[in-house]
């Protein structure tokens, strides 16, 4: 779980655990998240998409260009409202899904 804001990061981690995730690792910056993904078997990236945070489509694009397991790992972005063009940019970068916040726990199941 990648999010620079501790409160929303912890909230999302608890939601993932409630939804059945057995192991959730957290990172507060993209570099740490990329490291964790390289060191994790079968990684899945759940990341916040914030204007003031470098975890948007550029991060996903960089992961897709890498050589490790993070290249093909599923990526879910959590976001507030986005314009259609931004959603298309994320899709083209390799994001597998975008969920709008606030989101019900069923979205993560």
Protein backbone atom coordinates (compact mmCIF):
# COMPACT_ATOMS: atom_id res chain seq x y z
CA UNK A 1 0.00 0.00 0.00
CA UNK A 2 1.57 3.25 -1.17
CA UNK A 3 0.27 6.51 0.25
CA UNK A 4 2.17 9.50 1.62
CA UNK A 5 -0.63 10.24 4.12
CA UNK A 6 -0.36 7.94 7.13
CA UNK A 7 -4.05 8.13 8.08
CA UNK A 8 -5.40 7.06 4.68
CA UNK A 9 -2.59 4.51 4.28
CA UNK A 10 -3.53 2.86 7.60
CA UNK A 11 -7.24 3.02 6.81
CA UNK A 12 -6.69 1.32 3.44
CA UNK A 13 -4.46 -1.34 5.02
CA UNK A 14 -7.21 -2.19 7.52
CA UNK A 15 -9.75 -2.39 4.70
CA UNK A 16 -7.45 -4.73 2.74
CA UNK A 17 -7.00 -6.97 5.78
CA UNK A 18 -10.75 -7.05 6.38
CA UNK A 19 -11.20 -7.99 2.73
CA UNK A 20 -8.89 -10.97 3.24
CA UNK A 21 -5.38 -9.77 2.47
CA UNK A 22 -2.98 -11.86 4.54
CA UNK A 23 0.13 -9.74 4.08
CA UNK A 24 0.13 -6.00 3.46
CA UNK A 25 3.32 -3.97 3.28
CA UNK A 26 3.24 -0.19 3.32
CA UNK A 27 5.37 2.53 1.80
CA UNK A 28 5.20 6.29 2.03
CA UNK A 29 7.09 7.00 -1.20
CA UNK A 30 7.40 5.45 -4.68
CA UNK A 31 11.05 4.41 -4.24
CA UNK A 32 10.24 2.38 -1.13
CA UNK A 33 7.22 0.84 -2.84
CA UNK A 34 9.30 -0.24 -5.85
CA UNK A 35 11.85 -1.84 -3.51
CA UNK A 36 9.14 -3.75 -1.61
CA UNK A 37 7.61 -4.96 -4.86
CA UNK A 38 10.96 -6.28 -6.07
CA UNK A 39 11.43 -8.14 -2.78
CA UNK A 40 7.91 -9.59 -2.60
CA UNK A 41 6.61 -12.74 -4.20
CA UNK A 42 3.47 -12.06 -6.27
CA UNK A 43 3.25 -8.32 -5.52
CA UNK A 44 0.11 -6.25 -5.97
CA UNK A 45 0.34 -2.47 -5.85
CA UNK A 46 -2.41 -0.41 -4.26
CA UNK A 47 -1.49 3.25 -4.49
CA UNK A 48 -3.04 6.59 -3.75
CA UNK A 49 -3.16 9.04 -6.64
CA UNK A 50 -2.66 12.52 -5.26
CA UNK A 51 -1.75 15.78 -6.96
CA UNK A 52 1.06 16.45 -4.48
CA UNK A 53 2.47 12.92 -4.63
CA UNK A 54 4.61 11.24 -7.28
CA UNK A 55 2.48 8.10 -7.36
CA UNK A 56 0.39 8.79 -10.42
CA UNK A 57 0.57 7.24 -13.87
CA UNK A 58 4.28 8.09 -14.08
CA UNK A 59 5.04 5.62 -11.28
CA UNK A 60 3.07 2.87 -13.00
CA UNK A 61 4.76 3.62 -16.32
CA UNK A 62 8.18 3.33 -14.63
CA UNK A 63 7.22 0.03 -12.98
CA UNK A 64 6.02 -1.37 -16.31
CA UNK A 65 9.42 -0.56 -17.86
CA UNK A 66 11.37 -2.32 -15.09
CA UNK A 67 12.72 -5.86 -15.30
CA UNK A 68 11.47 -7.29 -12.00
CA UNK A 69 8.21 -8.74 -10.73
CA UNK A 70 6.79 -5.23 -10.44
CA UNK A 71 6.66 -5.06 -14.22
CA UNK A 72 3.61 -7.32 -14.40
CA UNK A 73 2.17 -6.81 -10.92
CA UNK A 74 -1.46 -5.73 -10.81
CA UNK A 75 -1.82 -2.04 -9.95
CA UNK A 76 -4.89 -0.46 -8.34
CA UNK A 77 -5.02 3.31 -7.95
CA UNK A 78 -7.22 4.96 -5.33
CA UNK A 79 -8.32 8.45 -6.20
CA UNK A 80 -10.80 11.18 -5.77
CA UNK A 81 -12.65 12.32 -8.89
CA UNK A 82 -10.62 12.38 -12.08
CA UNK A 83 -11.24 13.77 -15.54
CA UNK A 84 -11.70 11.22 -18.30
CA UNK A 85 -8.37 12.21 -19.84
CA UNK A 86 -6.56 11.46 -16.57
CA UNK A 87 -8.23 8.06 -16.26
CA UNK A 88 -7.22 7.28 -19.85
CA UNK A 89 -3.64 8.36 -19.08
CA UNK A 90 -3.55 5.99 -16.10
CA UNK A 91 -4.97 3.16 -18.19
CA UNK A 92 -2.40 3.77 -20.92
CA UNK A 93 0.38 3.78 -18.30
CA UNK A 94 -0.62 0.27 -17.24
CA UNK A 95 -2.98 0.73 -14.28
CA UNK A 96 -5.28 -2.28 -13.96
CA UNK A 97 -8.05 -0.52 -12.05
CA UNK A 98 -8.99 2.80 -10.49
CA UNK A 99 -11.27 3.00 -7.46
CA UNK A 100 -12.76 6.30 -6.38
CA UNK A 101 -12.56 7.34 -2.75
CA UNK A 102 -14.42 7.10 -0.53
CA UNK A 103 -14.88 3.47 -1.40
CA UNK A 104 -16.84 0.71 0.25
CA UNK A 105 -14.84 -2.28 1.46
CA UNK A 106 -16.65 -4.47 -1.12
CA UNK A 107 -14.66 -2.66 -3.83
CA UNK A 108 -11.46 -4.23 -2.49
CA UNK A 109 -12.87 -7.76 -2.22
